[in-house]
Amino acid sequence: MRQRKGKAKKETSKDKKEQKQAVEEARQQITTIMLPTLTVVVVLIVVFVYVAMCPTTTE
């Protein structure tokens, strides 16, 4: 029996495995890329605020 054009294909076990692997890779990218980047941004903001609030003595 032919499949109609508009009807979605059933998800096979192979498709489920590929989807699971893609989600796992995305999680690894979050921990390896996003967390260090976010840490650097937060540190830069803290340093900027510290320098801006630091009293300067000009005599």
PDB file of N, CA and C in Angstrom:
ATOM      1  N   MET A   1       0.824  -1.179   0.000  1.00  0.00           N
ATOM      2  CA  MET A   1       0.000   0.000   0.000  1.00  0.00           C
ATOM      3  C   MET A   1       0.871   1.246   0.000  1.00  0.00           C
ATOM      4  N   ARG A   2       0.551   2.164  -0.864  1.00  0.00           N
ATOM      5  CA  ARG A   2       1.342   3.392  -0.967  1.00  0.00           C
ATOM      6  C   ARG A   2       1.024   4.342   0.173  1.00  0.00           C
ATOM      7  N   GLN A   3       2.039   5.079   0.553  1.00  0.00           N
ATOM      8  CA  GLN A   3       1.856   6.057   1.620  1.00  0.00           C
ATOM      9  C   GLN A   3       1.459   7.401   1.009  1.00  0.00           C
ATOM     10  N   ARG A   4       0.545   8.066   1.617  1.00  0.00           N
ATOM     11  CA  ARG A   4       0.112   9.358   1.110  1.00  0.00           C
ATOM     12  C   ARG A   4       1.166  10.414   1.380  1.00  0.00           C
ATOM     13  N   LYS A   5       1.150  11.452   0.552  1.00  0.00           N
ATOM     14  CA  LYS A   5       2.169  12.490   0.666  1.00  0.00           C
ATOM     15  C   LYS A   5       2.107  13.241   1.984  1.00  0.00           C
ATOM     16  N   GLY A   6       0.932  13.589   2.458  1.00  0.00           N
ATOM     17  CA  GLY A   6       0.800  14.420   3.643  1.00  0.00           C
ATOM     18  C   GLY A   6       0.947  13.676   4.955  1.00  0.00           C
ATOM     19  N   LYS A   7       0.872  12.373   4.932  1.00  0.00           N
ATOM     20  CA  LYS A   7       0.896  11.589   6.157  1.00  0.00           C
ATOM     21  C   LYS A   7       2.334  11.429   6.661  1.00  0.00           C
ATOM     22  N   ALA A   8       2.514  11.585   7.968  1.00  0.00           N
ATOM     23  CA  ALA A   8       3.835  11.451   8.563  1.00  0.00           C
ATOM     24  C   ALA A   8       4.246   9.985   8.613  1.00  0.00           C
ATOM     25  N   LYS A   9       5.536   9.763   8.471  1.00  0.00           N
ATOM     26  CA  LYS A   9       6.083   8.424   8.502  1.00  0.00           C
ATOM     27  C   LYS A   9       6.186   7.948   9.952  1.00  0.00           C
ATOM     28  N   LYS A  10       5.939   6.669  10.192  1.00  0.00           N
ATOM     29  CA  LYS A  10       6.082   6.121  11.538  1.00  0.00           C
ATOM     30  C   LYS A  10       7.546   6.152  11.944  1.00  0.00           C
ATOM     31  N   GLU A  11       7.777   6.432  13.224  1.00  0.00           N
ATOM     32  CA  GLU A  11       9.141   6.502  13.724  1.00  0.00           C
ATOM     33  C   GLU A  11       9.638   5.090  14.042  1.00  0.00           C
ATOM     34  N   THR A  12      10.753   4.723  13.443  1.00  0.00           N
ATOM     35  CA  THR A  12      11.311   3.397  13.674  1.00  0.00           C
ATOM     36  C   THR A  12      12.269   3.432  14.857  1.00  0.00           C
ATOM     37  N   SER A  13      12.716   2.267  15.276  1.00  0.00           N
ATOM     38  CA  SER A  13      13.661   2.208  16.397  1.00  0.00           C
ATOM     39  C   SER A  13      14.984   2.865  16.018  1.00  0.00           C
ATOM     40  N   LYS A  14      15.348   2.787  14.751  1.00  0.00           N
ATOM     41  CA  LYS A  14      16.575   3.439  14.296  1.00  0.00           C
ATOM     42  C   LYS A  14      16.446   4.960  14.418  1.00  0.00           C
ATOM     43  N   ASP A  15      15.275   5.495  14.037  1.00  0.00           N
ATOM     44  CA  ASP A  15      15.038   6.929  14.160  1.00  0.00           C
ATOM     45  C   ASP A  15      15.082   7.369  15.621  1.00  0.00           C
ATOM     46  N   LYS A  16      14.496   6.559  16.507  1.00  0.00           N
ATOM     47  CA  LYS A  16      14.507   6.879  17.931  1.00  0.00           C
ATOM     48  C   LYS A  16      15.927   6.892  18.480  1.00  0.00           C
ATOM     49  N   LYS A  17      16.746   5.940  18.034  1.00  0.00           N
ATOM     50  CA  LYS A  17      18.130   5.873  18.474  1.00  0.00           C
ATOM     51  C   LYS A  17      18.913   7.102  18.021  1.00  0.00           C
ATOM     52  N   GLU A  18      18.694   7.512  16.767  1.00  0.00           N
ATOM     53  CA  GLU A  18      19.374   8.699  16.238  1.00  0.00           C
ATOM     54  C   GLU A  18      18.941   9.956  16.993  1.00  0.00           C
ATOM     55  N   GLN A  19      17.660  10.053  17.312  1.00  0.00           N
ATOM     56  CA  GLN A  19      17.145  11.201  18.049  1.00  0.00           C
ATOM     57  C   GLN A  19      17.758  11.262  19.443  1.00  0.00           C
ATOM     58  N   LYS A  20      17.851  10.101  20.096  1.00  0.00           N
ATOM     59  CA  LYS A  20      18.430  10.033  21.430  1.00  0.00           C
ATOM     60  C   LYS A  20      19.897  10.446  21.402  1.00  0.00           C
ATOM     61  N   GLN A  21      20.622  10.014  20.371  1.00  0.00           N
ATOM     62  CA  GLN A  21      22.029  10.368  20.234  1.00  0.00           C
ATOM     63  C   GLN A  21      22.185  11.869  19.992  1.00  0.00           C
ATOM     64  N   ALA A  22      21.306  12.454  19.219  1.00  0.00           N
ATOM     65  CA  ALA A  22      21.368  13.892  18.944  1.00  0.00           C
ATOM     66  C   ALA A  22      21.126  14.696  20.224  1.00  0.00           C
ATOM     67  N   VAL A  23      20.194  14.240  21.043  1.00  0.00           N
ATOM     68  CA  VAL A  23      19.926  14.930  22.307  1.00  0.00           C
ATOM     69  C   VAL A  23      21.140  14.828  23.225  1.00  0.00           C
ATOM     70  N   GLU A  24      21.772  13.675  23.265  1.00  0.00           N
ATOM     71  CA  GLU A  24      22.961  13.486  24.102  1.00  0.00           C
ATOM     72  C   GLU A  24      24.101  14.386  23.638  1.00  0.00           C
ATOM     73  N   GLU A  25      24.290  14.505  22.332  1.00  0.00           N
ATOM     74  CA  GLU A  25      25.330  15.384  21.804  1.00  0.00           C
ATOM     75  C   GLU A  25      25.035  16.839  22.147  1.00  0.00           C
ATOM     76  N   ALA A  26      23.789  17.231  22.107  1.00  0.00           N
ATOM     77  CA  ALA A  26      23.410  18.597  22.464  1.00  0.00           C
ATOM     78  C   ALA A  26      23.716  18.881  23.927  1.00  0.00           C
ATOM     79  N   ARG A  27      23.453  17.914  24.791  1.00  0.00           N
ATOM     80  CA  ARG A  27      23.768  18.086  26.214  1.00  0.00           C
ATOM     81  C   ARG A  27      25.272  18.240  26.428  1.00  0.00           C
ATOM     82  N   GLN A  28      26.063  17.462  25.709  1.00  0.00           N
ATOM     83  CA  GLN A  28      27.516  17.570  25.843  1.00  0.00           C
ATOM     84  C   GLN A  28      27.998  18.931  25.364  1.00  0.00           C
ATOM     85  N   GLN A  29      27.413  19.439  24.298  1.00  0.00           N
ATOM     86  CA  GLN A  29      27.809  20.758  23.803  1.00  0.00           C
ATOM     87  C   GLN A  29      27.458  21.842  24.800  1.00  0.00           C
ATOM     88  N   ILE A  30      26.343  21.691  25.478  1.00  0.00           N
ATOM     89  CA  ILE A  30      25.969  22.685  26.484  1.00  0.00           C
ATOM     90  C   ILE A  30      27.018  22.739  27.585  1.00  0.00           C
ATOM     91  N   THR A  31      27.452  21.577  28.057  1.00  0.00           N
ATOM     92  CA  THR A  31      28.417  21.566  29.151  1.00  0.00           C
ATOM     93  C   THR A  31      29.813  21.984  28.691  1.00  0.00           C
ATOM     94  N   THR A  32      30.182  21.722  27.447  1.00  0.00           N
ATOM     95  CA  THR A  32      31.532  22.034  27.010  1.00  0.00           C
ATOM     96  C   THR A  32      31.667  23.428  26.419  1.00  0.00           C
ATOM     97  N   ILE A  33      30.584  24.017  25.949  1.00  0.00           N
ATOM     98  CA  ILE A  33      30.668  25.325  25.299  1.00  0.00           C
ATOM     99  C   ILE A  33      29.963  26.404  26.115  1.00  0.00           C
ATOM    100  N   MET A  34      28.726  26.165  26.499  1.00  0.00           N
ATOM    101  CA  MET A  34      27.925  27.210  27.123  1.00  0.00           C
ATOM    102  C   MET A  34      28.381  27.548  28.536  1.00  0.00           C
ATOM    103  N   LEU A  35      28.676  26.562  29.360  1.00  0.00           N
ATOM    104  CA  LEU A  35      29.042  26.847  30.741  1.00  0.00           C
ATOM    105  C   LEU A  35      30.338  27.644  30.864  1.00  0.00           C
ATOM    106  N   PRO A  36      31.419  27.287  30.168  1.00  0.00           N
ATOM    107  CA  PRO A  36      32.619  28.123  30.250  1.00  0.00           C
ATOM    108  C   PRO A  36      32.395  29.538  29.715  1.00  0.00           C
ATOM    109  N   THR A  37      31.630  29.666  28.639  1.00  0.00           N
ATOM    110  CA  THR A  37      31.346  30.979  28.081  1.00  0.00           C
ATOM    111  C   THR A  37      30.552  31.822  29.072  1.00  0.00           C
ATOM    112  N   LEU A  38      29.550  31.230  29.673  1.00  0.00           N
ATOM    113  CA  LEU A  38      28.741  31.935  30.659  1.00  0.00           C
ATOM    114  C   LEU A  38      29.586  32.340  31.864  1.00  0.00           C
ATOM    115  N   THR A  39      30.496  31.481  32.286  1.00  0.00           N
ATOM    116  CA  THR A  39      31.379  31.781  33.405  1.00  0.00           C
ATOM    117  C   THR A  39      32.261  32.984  33.089  1.00  0.00           C
ATOM    118  N   VAL A  40      32.824  33.022  31.898  1.00  0.00           N
ATOM    119  CA  VAL A  40      33.682  34.143  31.499  1.00  0.00           C
ATOM    120  C   VAL A  40      32.884  35.440  31.478  1.00  0.00           C
ATOM    121  N   VAL A  41      31.679  35.411  30.956  1.00  0.00           N
ATOM    122  CA  VAL A  41      30.842  36.611  30.897  1.00  0.00           C
ATOM    123  C   VAL A  41      30.534  37.111  32.309  1.00  0.00           C
ATOM    124  N   VAL A  42      30.180  36.213  33.219  1.00  0.00           N
ATOM    125  CA  VAL A  42      29.879  36.612  34.592  1.00  0.00           C
ATOM    126  C   VAL A  42      31.113  37.199  35.264  1.00  0.00           C
ATOM    127  N   VAL A  43      32.270  36.600  35.066  1.00  0.00           N
ATOM    128  CA  VAL A  43      33.506  37.119  35.659  1.00  0.00           C
ATOM    129  C   VAL A  43      33.815  38.511  35.112  1.00  0.00           C
ATOM    130  N   LEU A  44      33.641  38.725  33.822  1.00  0.00           N
ATOM    131  CA  LEU A  44      33.885  40.050  33.241  1.00  0.00           C
ATOM    132  C   LEU A  44      32.943  41.101  33.823  1.00  0.00           C
ATOM    133  N   ILE A  45      31.687  40.741  34.020  1.00  0.00           N
ATOM    134  CA  ILE A  45      30.727  41.676  34.612  1.00  0.00           C
ATOM    135  C   ILE A  45      31.131  42.012  36.046  1.00  0.00           C
ATOM    136  N   VAL A  46      31.525  41.005  36.812  1.00  0.00           N
ATOM    137  CA  VAL A  46      31.937  41.232  38.199  1.00  0.00           C
ATOM    138  C   VAL A  46      33.169  42.130  38.242  1.00  0.00           C
ATOM    139  N   VAL A  47      34.134  41.892  37.392  1.00  0.00           N
ATOM    140  CA  VAL A  47      35.344  42.717  37.363  1.00  0.00           C
ATOM    141  C   VAL A  47      34.996  44.150  36.967  1.00  0.00           C
ATOM    142  N   PHE A  48      34.135  44.321  35.980  1.00  0.00           N
ATOM    143  CA  PHE A  48      33.741  45.660  35.548  1.00  0.00           C
ATOM    144  C   PHE A  48      33.051  46.426  36.681  1.00  0.00           C
ATOM    145  N   VAL A  49      32.145  45.758  37.393  1.00  0.00           N
ATOM    146  CA  VAL A  49      31.448  46.401  38.504  1.00  0.00           C
ATOM    147  C   VAL A  49      32.428  46.729  39.620  1.00  0.00           C
ATOM    148  N   TYR A  50      33.356  45.843  39.902  1.00  0.00           N
ATOM    149  CA  TYR A  50      34.345  46.080  40.947  1.00  0.00           C
ATOM    150  C   TYR A  50      35.209  47.293  40.606  1.00  0.00           C
ATOM    151  N   VAL A  51      35.666  47.366  39.367  1.00  0.00           N
ATOM    152  CA  VAL A  51      36.512  48.491  38.950  1.00  0.00           C
ATOM    153  C   VAL A  51      35.705  49.788  38.957  1.00  0.00           C
ATOM    154  N   ALA A  52      34.451  49.730  38.567  1.00  0.00           N
ATOM    155  CA  ALA A  52      33.617  50.929  38.557  1.00  0.00           C
ATOM    156  C   ALA A  52      33.330  51.427  39.972  1.00  0.00           C
ATOM    157  N   MET A  53      33.195  50.547  40.930  1.00  0.00           N
ATOM    158  CA  MET A  53      32.882  50.934  42.297  1.00  0.00           C
ATOM    159  C   MET A  53      34.115  51.196  43.147  1.00  0.00           C
ATOM    160  N   CYS A  54      35.264  50.820  42.661  1.00  0.00           N
ATOM    161  CA  CYS A  54      36.502  50.971  43.426  1.00  0.00           C
ATOM    162  C   CYS A  54      36.793  52.458  43.608  1.00  0.00           C
ATOM    163  N   PRO A  55      37.032  52.874  44.862  1.00  0.00           N
ATOM    164  CA  PRO A  55      37.346  54.291  45.084  1.00  0.00           C
ATOM    165  C   PRO A  55      38.718  54.636  44.528  1.00  0.00           C
ATOM    166  N   THR A  56      38.775  55.728  43.830  1.00  0.00           N
ATOM    167  CA  THR A  56      40.059  56.148  43.252  1.00  0.00           C
ATOM    168  C   THR A  56      40.580  57.336  44.041  1.00  0.00           C
ATOM    169  N   THR A  57      41.838  57.286  44.395  1.00  0.00           N
ATOM    170  CA  THR A  57      42.457  58.384  45.122  1.00  0.00           C
ATOM    171  C   THR A  57      43.338  59.148  44.155  1.00  0.00           C
ATOM    172  N   THR A  58      42.949  60.379  43.874  1.00  0.00           N
ATOM    173  CA  THR A  58      43.745  61.229  42.980  1.00  0.00           C
ATOM    174  C   THR A  58      44.161  62.473  43.751  1.00  0.00           C
ATOM    175  N   GLU A  59      45.436  62.519  44.050  1.00  0.00           N
ATOM    176  CA  GLU A  59      45.973  63.669  44.785  1.00  0.00           C
ATOM    177  C   GLU A  59      47.151  64.236  44.061  1.00  0.00           C
TER     178      GLU A  59
END
